Structures are given as structure tokens and as C-alpha cells.
Amino acid sequence: MSGKGTNSGVNFQQSTSTHFLMHMLLELSLDNIFEDDFENEKIEEIFLETTDKIDDIKVELYSGKKLYIQEPLADYKKQPVI
């Protein structure tokens, strides 16, 4: 598969993973993104293109929580699944 759809997915994955990577490298908690549910939660690992059902980005936190992030299909005008 190639073209605008693939390029859109790559752009989404790069920009979103970079955002999480900066939080990880600077040891910032995720509560400024997700508010109360993630107070003092910090990122341990980030995975791209996983074998999980939601496969674009997986973020593992030190607490053991996992975030699965998938770019929505271009046909759907909705926010990414988090």
C-alpha cells in the first residue's frame, strides 16, 4: 500500500510518537495530557508497529498501564483511539 493514505499514517505515527518520546526523555508525567487518570504516570517504553490488535503505537508506563494508539482510517473523521 502506498500513496496519501500511507503517508498520512506515517506522519501521524512520527508526530505522535515524538510527543510521547519527549515526555519519556524529559521524565514528564502524562497528567498534562490525560489529566487525573494519569497523575504521576511516566513512560517506560514506546513501541511502533506492534503485533497487538491496535498496532500503531504502544506506550508502556512504569505503573504497568499500557496505552494503545491507532490512527483512524481516513474515511472516518474522528480522533485517534487512545
Protein backbone atom coordinates (compact mmCIF):
# COMPACT_ATOMS: atom_id res chain seq x y z
CA MET A 1 0.00 0.00 0.00
CA SER A 2 1.30 3.46 -0.79
CA GLY A 3 0.24 6.98 -1.51
CA LYS A 4 -1.51 9.64 0.54
CA GLY A 5 -3.06 7.17 2.99
CA THR A 6 0.26 5.56 3.85
CA ASN A 7 1.99 8.94 4.09
CA SER A 8 -0.73 10.19 6.42
CA GLY A 9 -0.26 7.17 8.67
CA VAL A 10 3.50 7.61 8.78
CA ASN A 11 3.12 11.31 9.60
CA PHE A 12 0.65 10.51 12.38
CA GLN A 13 2.90 7.83 13.84
CA GLN A 14 6.02 10.01 13.73
CA SER A 15 4.45 13.10 15.25
CA THR A 16 2.54 11.23 17.95
CA SER A 17 5.44 9.00 18.96
CA THR A 18 7.76 12.04 19.08
CA HIS A 19 5.38 13.73 21.50
CA PHE A 20 5.43 10.70 23.81
CA LEU A 21 9.20 10.28 23.38
CA MET A 22 9.81 13.84 24.58
CA HIS A 23 7.70 13.12 27.67
CA MET A 24 9.75 9.98 28.27
CA LEU A 25 13.17 11.61 27.79
CA LEU A 26 12.28 14.61 29.97
CA GLU A 27 10.65 12.31 32.56
CA LEU A 28 7.40 14.28 32.44
CA SER A 29 4.22 12.77 33.81
CA LEU A 30 1.27 12.29 31.49
CA ASP A 31 -1.23 14.16 33.64
CA ASN A 32 -0.81 17.28 31.49
CA ILE A 33 -2.16 15.25 28.55
CA PHE A 34 -4.69 12.91 30.17
CA GLU A 35 -5.43 14.78 33.43
CA ASP A 36 -6.46 12.93 36.61
CA ASP A 37 -6.27 9.33 35.37
CA PHE A 38 -2.54 9.63 34.72
CA GLU A 39 -1.29 11.74 37.61
CA ASN A 40 2.42 10.97 38.20
CA GLU A 41 2.40 8.37 35.39
CA LYS A 42 5.65 8.25 33.43
CA ILE A 43 6.60 6.41 30.26
CA GLU A 44 8.90 3.41 30.47
CA GLU A 45 8.87 2.20 26.83
CA ILE A 46 7.42 3.12 23.44
CA PHE A 47 6.79 0.62 20.63
CA LEU A 48 5.88 1.30 16.99
CA GLU A 49 4.19 -1.14 14.58
CA THR A 50 3.49 -3.82 17.15
CA THR A 51 1.76 -7.16 16.71
CA ASP A 52 -1.07 -6.04 19.00
CA LYS A 53 -4.61 -5.55 17.67
CA ILE A 54 -4.14 -1.78 17.95
CA ASP A 55 -0.70 -1.68 16.38
CA ASP A 56 0.48 1.83 15.51
CA ILE A 57 1.90 2.88 18.88
CA LYS A 58 2.08 1.17 22.26
CA VAL A 59 3.22 3.16 25.30
CA GLU A 60 4.06 1.25 28.48
CA LEU A 61 4.12 3.12 31.79
CA TYR A 62 6.16 2.34 34.90
CA SER A 63 2.91 1.51 36.72
CA GLY A 64 2.23 -1.32 34.26
CA LYS A 65 -0.53 0.52 32.40
CA LYS A 66 -0.39 0.42 28.61
CA LEU A 67 -1.68 2.91 26.06
CA TYR A 68 -2.57 1.68 22.58
CA ILE A 69 -2.81 4.35 19.90
CA GLN A 70 -4.08 3.83 16.37
CA GLU A 71 -4.52 6.33 13.56
CA PRO A 72 -8.15 6.42 12.48
CA LEU A 73 -8.96 5.44 8.92
CA ALA A 74 -9.06 8.41 6.58
CA ASP A 75 -12.74 7.72 5.84
CA TYR A 76 -13.65 8.38 9.46
CA LYS A 77 -13.45 11.91 10.79
CA LYS A 78 -12.68 11.08 14.40
CA GLN A 79 -9.82 11.38 16.88
CA PRO A 80 -7.14 8.69 17.26
CA VAL A 81 -8.04 5.77 19.51
CA ILE A 82 -6.26 6.05 22.85
